[in-house]
Every structure is written in structure tokens, then in C-alpha cells.
Amino acid sequence: MLYDRPNLLFKKHGQWAPLFIRLVAGYHLVQGVIDNILSQARMQEFISFLNAHQFPYPWAAYVSVYAQFISGCLFVLGYYQRFAAAFMVVNFISAILIAHIGDAYSDTFPALFMLAASLSLFFSGAGRLSVDYYRHRMGKHRKRSLF
């Protein structure tokens, strides 16, 4: 009986859980790449970093940086959450395979955390306090009012 009360609380308010992951992961994504967007020198450093890891496509640096920035903004808003999370899953699997194989765990942890957060958001969706939630809710009301 005592066990059921917290479970009811968690069940009732579980849709708020993705908000905390969205805010932290979204901020981390934006904060991690804003210098590459604002400074061409920092972008060149990232391109050189990829080249040093035998990654032959310099345009991938731009794709990765802008995908992280846009996805970070989408995470914070909870807008097109699963789409943004899918991009980040691919991005961070690539980052781990390209740059972190053989690294110490402490160096790999940020990429692993972002991969785990992206997978979590991909499967859970954006949750209640999100643009996606309100878009879906408004879409239901519009459909009902037409019939």
C-alpha cells in the first residue's frame, strides 16, 4: 500500500521526466558548438581534429556542428523531438567511433551521456512541457471541431 503511493505519483507525473534531460542535453549541445559557429578559427580546429582522426570529409564538421546546434535548440523547446534525437544518436555514435575509441572513460563520458540522452528522448518523446505536446494536443482539438 505504501509502495503504491509513490508509483501513482510517478505514473501521474512521468510525462515531465523528459523535460530535465531535454534542458540539460539541449544546453550542452548549444554550449558545446556555439564557438564553432561564431569563430571560423574554431571550426578549422574541429576540421583539423577530424582530419587527425583520419576522417576525410571536412564538410562533416559543418554538418555535425550545425546539427548539434539546431538539435540543442529543438531539445530545449521540445520541438520535433524524435527527429532531433535521431540525428543526435547518429552524430554521437559517429563521434564515439571516430574520436573516442581507445580514449579513457572520462574522456568518452560526455559523448556517451549525449548518446544515452538522445536515445532516451528518441524513445520517450518530448514530454508534457513541450511544443510537440501542445502541437499534438491542438491537432486533436482541430480534428474534433471539423466533425
N, C-alpha and C. Protein backbone atom coordinates (compact mmCIF):
# COMPACT_ATOMS: atom_id res chain seq x y z
N MET A 1 0.81 -1.19 0.00
CA MET A 1 0.00 0.00 0.00
C MET A 1 0.86 1.26 0.00
N LEU A 2 1.85 1.30 0.88
CA LEU A 2 2.75 2.45 0.92
C LEU A 2 3.55 2.54 -0.38
N TYR A 3 3.87 1.40 -0.94
CA TYR A 3 4.62 1.36 -2.20
C TYR A 3 3.81 1.94 -3.35
N ASP A 4 2.50 1.77 -3.33
CA ASP A 4 1.66 2.23 -4.43
C ASP A 4 1.57 3.75 -4.54
N ARG A 5 1.64 4.46 -3.43
CA ARG A 5 1.52 5.92 -3.48
C ARG A 5 2.60 6.57 -4.33
N PRO A 6 3.88 6.29 -4.08
CA PRO A 6 4.89 6.91 -4.96
C PRO A 6 4.72 6.49 -6.42
N ASN A 7 4.33 5.25 -6.64
CA ASN A 7 4.13 4.80 -8.02
C ASN A 7 3.02 5.58 -8.70
N LEU A 8 1.96 5.87 -7.97
CA LEU A 8 0.88 6.68 -8.54
C LEU A 8 1.39 8.08 -8.88
N LEU A 9 2.20 8.64 -7.99
CA LEU A 9 2.78 9.96 -8.24
C LEU A 9 3.65 9.92 -9.50
N PHE A 10 4.50 8.92 -9.60
CA PHE A 10 5.40 8.81 -10.75
C PHE A 10 4.62 8.56 -12.03
N LYS A 11 3.60 7.73 -11.94
CA LYS A 11 2.79 7.44 -13.12
C LYS A 11 2.05 8.69 -13.58
N LYS A 12 1.52 9.44 -12.64
CA LYS A 12 0.76 10.64 -12.97
C LYS A 12 1.65 11.73 -13.57
N HIS A 13 2.87 11.86 -13.08
CA HIS A 13 3.74 12.96 -13.49
C HIS A 13 4.94 12.51 -14.32
N GLY A 14 4.93 11.29 -14.80
CA GLY A 14 6.05 10.76 -15.58
C GLY A 14 6.32 11.50 -16.87
N GLN A 15 5.30 12.15 -17.42
CA GLN A 15 5.49 12.89 -18.68
C GLN A 15 6.37 14.13 -18.50
N TRP A 16 6.64 14.51 -17.26
CA TRP A 16 7.52 15.66 -17.02
C TRP A 16 8.99 15.25 -17.06
N ALA A 17 9.28 13.97 -16.93
CA ALA A 17 10.66 13.49 -16.84
C ALA A 17 11.55 13.91 -18.02
N PRO A 18 11.09 13.82 -19.27
CA PRO A 18 11.97 14.20 -20.37
C PRO A 18 12.40 15.67 -20.35
N LEU A 19 11.64 16.52 -19.68
CA LEU A 19 11.98 17.94 -19.62
C LEU A 19 13.38 18.15 -19.07
N PHE A 20 13.74 17.44 -18.01
CA PHE A 20 15.03 17.64 -17.37
C PHE A 20 16.17 17.19 -18.27
N ILE A 21 16.00 16.08 -18.95
CA ILE A 21 17.02 15.62 -19.90
C ILE A 21 17.11 16.59 -21.07
N ARG A 22 15.96 17.03 -21.57
CA ARG A 22 15.94 17.97 -22.70
C ARG A 22 16.70 19.24 -22.39
N LEU A 23 16.46 19.81 -21.22
CA LEU A 23 17.09 21.08 -20.88
C LEU A 23 18.61 20.95 -20.73
N VAL A 24 19.05 19.92 -20.01
CA VAL A 24 20.49 19.74 -19.80
C VAL A 24 21.18 19.36 -21.11
N ALA A 25 20.64 18.39 -21.83
CA ALA A 25 21.26 17.95 -23.08
C ALA A 25 21.21 19.06 -24.13
N GLY A 26 20.10 19.77 -24.23
CA GLY A 26 19.98 20.86 -25.19
C GLY A 26 20.96 21.97 -24.92
N TYR A 27 21.07 22.37 -23.64
CA TYR A 27 22.04 23.41 -23.29
C TYR A 27 23.46 22.95 -23.61
N HIS A 28 23.77 21.70 -23.26
CA HIS A 28 25.11 21.16 -23.51
C HIS A 28 25.44 21.16 -25.01
N LEU A 29 24.48 20.79 -25.82
CA LEU A 29 24.70 20.79 -27.27
C LEU A 29 24.98 22.20 -27.79
N VAL A 30 24.16 23.16 -27.41
CA VAL A 30 24.33 24.53 -27.90
C VAL A 30 25.64 25.10 -27.37
N GLN A 31 25.89 24.95 -26.08
CA GLN A 31 27.11 25.49 -25.47
C GLN A 31 28.36 24.86 -26.06
N GLY A 32 28.27 23.61 -26.45
CA GLY A 32 29.43 22.90 -26.98
C GLY A 32 29.83 23.29 -28.39
N VAL A 33 28.92 23.87 -29.15
CA VAL A 33 29.25 24.19 -30.56
C VAL A 33 29.14 25.66 -30.91
N ILE A 34 28.66 26.48 -30.00
CA ILE A 34 28.45 27.88 -30.35
C ILE A 34 29.75 28.56 -30.75
N ASP A 35 30.87 28.18 -30.13
CA ASP A 35 32.15 28.77 -30.50
C ASP A 35 32.55 28.39 -31.93
N ASN A 36 32.21 27.19 -32.37
CA ASN A 36 32.50 26.78 -33.75
C ASN A 36 31.66 27.57 -34.75
N ILE A 37 30.46 27.95 -34.35
CA ILE A 37 29.59 28.72 -35.24
C ILE A 37 30.06 30.17 -35.31
N LEU A 38 30.48 30.72 -34.18
CA LEU A 38 30.86 32.13 -34.13
C LEU A 38 32.28 32.40 -34.58
N SER A 39 33.14 31.39 -34.61
CA SER A 39 34.54 31.59 -34.96
C SER A 39 34.98 30.58 -36.02
N GLN A 40 35.39 31.10 -37.15
CA GLN A 40 35.88 30.23 -38.22
C GLN A 40 37.17 29.51 -37.79
N ALA A 41 37.97 30.17 -36.95
CA ALA A 41 39.20 29.54 -36.45
C ALA A 41 38.87 28.29 -35.63
N ARG A 42 37.84 28.37 -34.79
CA ARG A 42 37.44 27.20 -34.00
C ARG A 42 36.87 26.10 -34.90
N MET A 43 36.16 26.49 -35.95
CA MET A 43 35.66 25.50 -36.90
C MET A 43 36.83 24.81 -37.59
N GLN A 44 37.86 25.57 -37.94
CA GLN A 44 39.05 24.99 -38.57
C GLN A 44 39.73 24.00 -37.62
N GLU A 45 39.75 24.33 -36.33
CA GLU A 45 40.31 23.40 -35.34
C GLU A 45 39.55 22.08 -35.35
N PHE A 46 38.24 22.16 -35.44
CA PHE A 46 37.42 20.95 -35.46
C PHE A 46 37.66 20.15 -36.73
N ILE A 47 37.78 20.84 -37.86
CA ILE A 47 38.09 20.16 -39.12
C ILE A 47 39.45 19.47 -39.01
N SER A 48 40.44 20.16 -38.44
CA SER A 48 41.77 19.57 -38.25
C SER A 48 41.71 18.37 -37.31
N PHE A 49 40.88 18.46 -36.28
CA PHE A 49 40.70 17.36 -35.34
C PHE A 49 40.16 16.13 -36.08
N LEU A 50 39.16 16.33 -36.93
CA LEU A 50 38.61 15.21 -37.71
C LEU A 50 39.65 14.64 -38.66
N ASN A 51 40.42 15.52 -39.31
CA ASN A 51 41.49 15.06 -40.20
C ASN A 51 42.53 14.25 -39.44
N ALA A 52 42.86 14.67 -38.23
CA ALA A 52 43.84 13.95 -37.41
C ALA A 52 43.34 12.55 -37.05
N HIS A 53 42.04 12.37 -37.04
CA HIS A 53 41.45 11.05 -36.77
C HIS A 53 41.09 10.32 -38.07
N GLN A 54 41.76 10.69 -39.16
CA GLN A 54 41.59 10.08 -40.48
C GLN A 54 40.16 10.12 -40.98
N PHE A 55 39.44 11.18 -40.66
CA PHE A 55 38.10 11.36 -41.20
C PHE A 55 38.22 12.29 -42.39
N PRO A 56 37.96 11.80 -43.62
CA PRO A 56 38.33 12.53 -44.83
C PRO A 56 37.37 13.62 -45.30
N TYR A 57 36.26 13.81 -44.64
CA TYR A 57 35.25 14.74 -45.16
C TYR A 57 35.16 16.00 -44.30
N PRO A 58 35.79 17.10 -44.73
CA PRO A 58 35.76 18.32 -43.92
C PRO A 58 34.35 18.91 -43.79
N TRP A 59 33.49 18.67 -44.75
CA TRP A 59 32.12 19.19 -44.68
C TRP A 59 31.35 18.57 -43.52
N ALA A 60 31.78 17.38 -43.07
CA ALA A 60 31.10 16.72 -41.96
C ALA A 60 31.22 17.53 -40.67
N ALA A 61 32.28 18.32 -40.54
CA ALA A 61 32.41 19.18 -39.36
C ALA A 61 31.28 20.18 -39.32
N TYR A 62 30.98 20.78 -40.46
CA TYR A 62 29.89 21.76 -40.52
C TYR A 62 28.54 21.08 -40.25
N VAL A 63 28.34 19.91 -40.84
CA VAL A 63 27.09 19.18 -40.63
C VAL A 63 26.92 18.85 -39.15
N SER A 64 27.98 18.34 -38.53
CA SER A 64 27.91 17.97 -37.12
C SER A 64 27.64 19.17 -36.22
N VAL A 65 28.37 20.25 -36.45
CA VAL A 65 28.22 21.45 -35.61
C VAL A 65 26.82 22.04 -35.73
N TYR A 66 26.36 22.22 -36.96
CA TYR A 66 25.03 22.83 -37.13
C TYR A 66 23.91 21.88 -36.71
N ALA A 67 24.11 20.57 -36.90
CA ALA A 67 23.10 19.61 -36.43
C ALA A 67 23.01 19.64 -34.91
N GLN A 68 24.16 19.74 -34.24
CA GLN A 68 24.15 19.81 -32.78
C GLN A 68 23.49 21.10 -32.29
N PHE A 69 23.79 22.21 -32.95
CA PHE A 69 23.21 23.49 -32.55
C PHE A 69 21.69 23.48 -32.73
N ILE A 70 21.25 23.07 -33.91
CA ILE A 70 19.80 23.04 -34.19
C ILE A 70 19.10 22.03 -33.28
N SER A 71 19.70 20.85 -33.12
CA SER A 71 19.09 19.84 -32.25
C SER A 71 19.05 20.31 -30.80
N GLY A 72 20.09 21.01 -30.36
CA GLY A 72 20.08 21.55 -29.00
C GLY A 72 18.93 22.51 -28.78
N CYS A 73 18.71 23.39 -29.75
CA CYS A 73 17.57 24.32 -29.66
C CYS A 73 16.25 23.56 -29.67
N LEU A 74 16.14 22.54 -30.52
CA LEU A 74 14.92 21.74 -30.59
C LEU A 74 14.70 20.95 -29.30
N PHE A 75 15.78 20.45 -28.70
CA PHE A 75 15.66 19.74 -27.42
C PHE A 75 15.07 20.66 -26.36
N VAL A 76 15.61 21.87 -26.25
CA VAL A 76 15.14 22.80 -25.22
C VAL A 76 13.65 23.11 -25.42
N LEU A 77 13.26 23.31 -26.66
CA LEU A 77 11.86 23.62 -26.95
C LEU A 77 10.95 22.40 -26.92
N GLY A 78 11.53 21.22 -27.10
CA GLY A 78 10.70 20.03 -27.23
C GLY A 78 9.95 20.03 -28.54
N TYR A 79 10.62 20.44 -29.59
CA TYR A 79 10.00 20.60 -30.91
C TYR A 79 10.67 19.62 -31.87
N TYR A 80 9.88 18.82 -32.58
CA TYR A 80 10.40 17.75 -33.43
C TYR A 80 11.44 16.93 -32.67
N GLN A 81 11.07 16.56 -31.45
CA GLN A 81 11.98 15.91 -30.52
C GLN A 81 12.59 14.63 -31.07
N ARG A 82 11.76 13.74 -31.57
CA ARG A 82 12.29 12.45 -32.03
C ARG A 82 13.18 12.62 -33.25
N PHE A 83 12.85 13.53 -34.12
CA PHE A 83 13.66 13.82 -35.30
C PHE A 83 15.04 14.33 -34.87
N ALA A 84 15.07 15.30 -33.97
CA ALA A 84 16.33 15.86 -33.47
C ALA A 84 17.14 14.80 -32.73
N ALA A 85 16.46 13.99 -31.93
CA ALA A 85 17.15 12.95 -31.17
C ALA A 85 17.75 11.90 -32.10
N ALA A 86 17.06 11.55 -33.17
CA ALA A 86 17.60 10.58 -34.12
C ALA A 86 18.88 11.10 -34.75
N PHE A 87 18.90 12.37 -35.12
CA PHE A 87 20.12 12.97 -35.66
C PHE A 87 21.25 12.89 -34.65
N MET A 88 20.95 13.16 -33.38
CA MET A 88 21.99 13.14 -32.36
C MET A 88 22.46 11.73 -32.05
N VAL A 89 21.61 10.74 -32.17
CA VAL A 89 22.04 9.36 -31.99
C VAL A 89 23.10 9.03 -33.04
N VAL A 90 22.82 9.35 -34.29
CA VAL A 90 23.79 9.11 -35.37
C VAL A 90 25.05 9.92 -35.13
N ASN A 91 24.90 11.19 -34.76
CA ASN A 91 26.04 12.07 -34.53
C ASN A 91 26.96 11.53 -33.44
N PHE A 92 26.39 11.10 -32.32
CA PHE A 92 27.22 10.68 -31.20
C PHE A 92 27.74 9.25 -31.35
N ILE A 93 27.05 8.40 -32.07
CA ILE A 93 27.65 7.10 -32.41
C ILE A 93 28.86 7.36 -33.30
N SER A 94 28.72 8.25 -34.27
CA SER A 94 29.84 8.60 -35.14
C SER A 94 30.99 9.20 -34.33
N ALA A 95 30.68 10.10 -33.42
CA ALA A 95 31.72 10.73 -32.60
C ALA A 95 32.48 9.70 -31.78
N ILE A 96 31.76 8.76 -31.20
CA ILE A 96 32.41 7.72 -30.40
C ILE A 96 33.30 6.86 -31.27
N LEU A 97 32.81 6.46 -32.44
CA LEU A 97 33.59 5.60 -33.33
C LEU A 97 34.78 6.33 -33.95
N ILE A 98 34.62 7.60 -34.28
CA ILE A 98 35.68 8.36 -34.95
C ILE A 98 36.73 8.86 -33.96
N ALA A 99 36.29 9.39 -32.83
CA ALA A 99 37.21 10.12 -31.98
C ALA A 99 37.47 9.51 -30.61
N HIS A 100 36.64 8.59 -30.15
CA HIS A 100 36.77 8.16 -28.75
C HIS A 100 37.14 6.70 -28.56
N ILE A 101 37.29 5.94 -29.62
CA ILE A 101 37.73 4.56 -29.46
C ILE A 101 39.15 4.59 -28.90
N GLY A 102 39.35 3.90 -27.79
CA GLY A 102 40.66 3.88 -27.15
C GLY A 102 40.88 4.99 -26.14
N ASP A 103 39.96 5.94 -26.05
CA ASP A 103 40.08 7.01 -25.05
C ASP A 103 39.74 6.47 -23.66
N ALA A 104 40.18 7.21 -22.67
CA ALA A 104 39.80 6.89 -21.30
C ALA A 104 38.30 7.11 -21.14
N TYR A 105 37.71 6.40 -20.20
CA TYR A 105 36.27 6.52 -19.96
C TYR A 105 35.88 7.97 -19.67
N SER A 106 36.68 8.66 -18.88
CA SER A 106 36.33 10.04 -18.51
C SER A 106 36.32 10.96 -19.73
N ASP A 107 37.12 10.67 -20.74
CA ASP A 107 37.12 11.46 -21.97
C ASP A 107 35.94 11.09 -22.88
N THR A 108 35.50 9.86 -22.80
CA THR A 108 34.40 9.38 -23.64
C THR A 108 33.04 9.66 -23.01
N PHE A 109 33.01 9.87 -21.70
CA PHE A 109 31.74 10.02 -20.99
C PHE A 109 30.81 11.09 -21.57
N PRO A 110 31.28 12.30 -21.90
CA PRO A 110 30.34 13.29 -22.45
C PRO A 110 29.61 12.80 -23.70
N ALA A 111 30.33 12.14 -24.59
CA ALA A 111 29.69 11.61 -25.80
C ALA A 111 28.74 10.47 -25.46
N LEU A 112 29.12 9.62 -24.51
CA LEU A 112 28.24 8.53 -24.08
C LEU A 112 26.97 9.08 -23.42
N PHE A 113 27.13 10.12 -22.60
CA PHE A 113 25.97 10.74 -21.97
C PHE A 113 25.03 11.32 -23.02
N MET A 114 25.58 12.01 -24.00
CA MET A 114 24.75 12.62 -25.04
C MET A 114 24.06 11.54 -25.88
N LEU A 115 24.75 10.44 -26.13
CA LEU A 115 24.13 9.32 -26.85
C LEU A 115 22.97 8.75 -26.02
N ALA A 116 23.21 8.53 -24.73
CA ALA A 116 22.16 7.99 -23.86
C ALA A 116 20.98 8.96 -23.76
N ALA A 117 21.26 10.24 -23.61
CA ALA A 117 20.18 11.24 -23.53
C ALA A 117 19.39 11.28 -24.83
N SER A 118 20.08 11.21 -25.95
CA SER A 118 19.40 11.23 -27.25
C SER A 118 18.54 9.99 -27.45
N LEU A 119 19.06 8.84 -27.06
CA LEU A 119 18.25 7.61 -27.15
C LEU A 119 17.03 7.70 -26.24
N SER A 120 17.22 8.20 -25.04
CA SER A 120 16.11 8.35 -24.11
C SER A 120 15.04 9.26 -24.69
N LEU A 121 15.45 10.40 -25.24
CA LEU A 121 14.48 11.34 -25.81
C LEU A 121 13.85 10.81 -27.10
N PHE A 122 14.60 10.01 -27.83
CA PHE A 122 14.03 9.40 -29.04
C PHE A 122 12.88 8.47 -28.66
N PHE A 123 13.09 7.65 -27.63
CA PHE A 123 12.07 6.68 -27.25
C PHE A 123 10.94 7.29 -26.42
N SER A 124 11.25 8.28 -25.60
CA SER A 124 10.21 8.84 -24.73
C SER A 124 9.43 9.97 -25.37
N GLY A 125 10.04 10.65 -26.32
CA GLY A 125 9.43 11.86 -26.85
C GLY A 125 9.73 13.04 -25.95
N ALA A 126 9.12 14.16 -26.23
CA ALA A 126 9.46 15.41 -25.55
C ALA A 126 8.80 15.57 -24.18
N GLY A 127 7.74 14.86 -23.93
CA GLY A 127 7.05 15.01 -22.65
C GLY A 127 6.01 16.12 -22.68
N ARG A 128 5.50 16.42 -21.51
CA ARG A 128 4.34 17.32 -21.40
C ARG A 128 4.67 18.78 -21.68
N LEU A 129 5.70 19.32 -21.08
CA LEU A 129 6.01 20.74 -21.27
C LEU A 129 6.89 20.89 -22.51
N SER A 130 6.25 20.85 -23.68
CA SER A 130 6.99 20.90 -24.94
C SER A 130 6.10 21.42 -26.06
N VAL A 131 6.73 21.91 -27.08
CA VAL A 131 5.98 22.35 -28.26
C VAL A 131 5.29 21.16 -28.91
N ASP A 132 5.98 20.01 -28.97
CA ASP A 132 5.38 18.81 -29.57
C ASP A 132 4.08 18.42 -28.87
N TYR A 133 4.08 18.47 -27.55
CA TYR A 133 2.88 18.10 -26.78
C TYR A 133 1.72 19.02 -27.14
N TYR A 134 1.99 20.32 -27.18
CA TYR A 134 0.91 21.26 -27.46
C TYR A 134 0.49 21.22 -28.93
N ARG A 135 1.42 20.95 -29.82
CA ARG A 135 1.05 20.78 -31.24
C ARG A 135 0.13 19.58 -31.39
N HIS A 136 0.48 18.48 -30.74
CA HIS A 136 -0.33 17.26 -30.82
C HIS A 136 -1.70 17.50 -30.19
N ARG A 137 -1.72 18.17 -29.06
CA ARG A 137 -2.98 18.45 -28.38
C ARG A 137 -3.87 19.36 -29.22
N MET A 138 -3.30 20.39 -29.81
CA MET A 138 -4.08 21.30 -30.65
C MET A 138 -4.56 20.58 -31.91
N GLY A 139 -3.75 19.69 -32.44
CA GLY A 139 -4.15 18.91 -33.61
C GLY A 139 -5.36 18.05 -33.33
N LYS A 140 -5.42 17.47 -32.13
CA LYS A 140 -6.59 16.66 -31.74
C LYS A 140 -7.84 17.52 -31.68
N HIS A 141 -7.72 18.72 -31.12
CA HIS A 141 -8.89 19.60 -31.00
C HIS A 141 -9.36 20.08 -32.36
N ARG A 142 -8.44 20.35 -33.24
CA ARG A 142 -8.84 20.79 -34.59
C ARG A 142 -9.60 19.70 -35.31
N LYS A 143 -9.12 18.47 -35.20
CA LYS A 143 -9.79 17.36 -35.88
C LYS A 143 -11.21 17.17 -35.35
N ARG A 144 -11.36 17.31 -34.05
CA ARG A 144 -12.69 17.15 -33.45
C ARG A 144 -13.63 18.25 -33.89
N SER A 145 -13.13 19.46 -34.01
CA SER A 145 -14.02 20.57 -34.34
C SER A 145 -14.48 20.54 -35.79
N LEU A 146 -13.78 19.81 -36.63
CA LEU A 146 -14.18 19.73 -38.04
C LEU A 146 -15.35 18.77 -38.24
N PHE A 147 -15.56 17.85 -37.32
CA PHE A 147 -16.62 16.85 -37.49
C PHE A 147 -17.75 17.06 -36.54
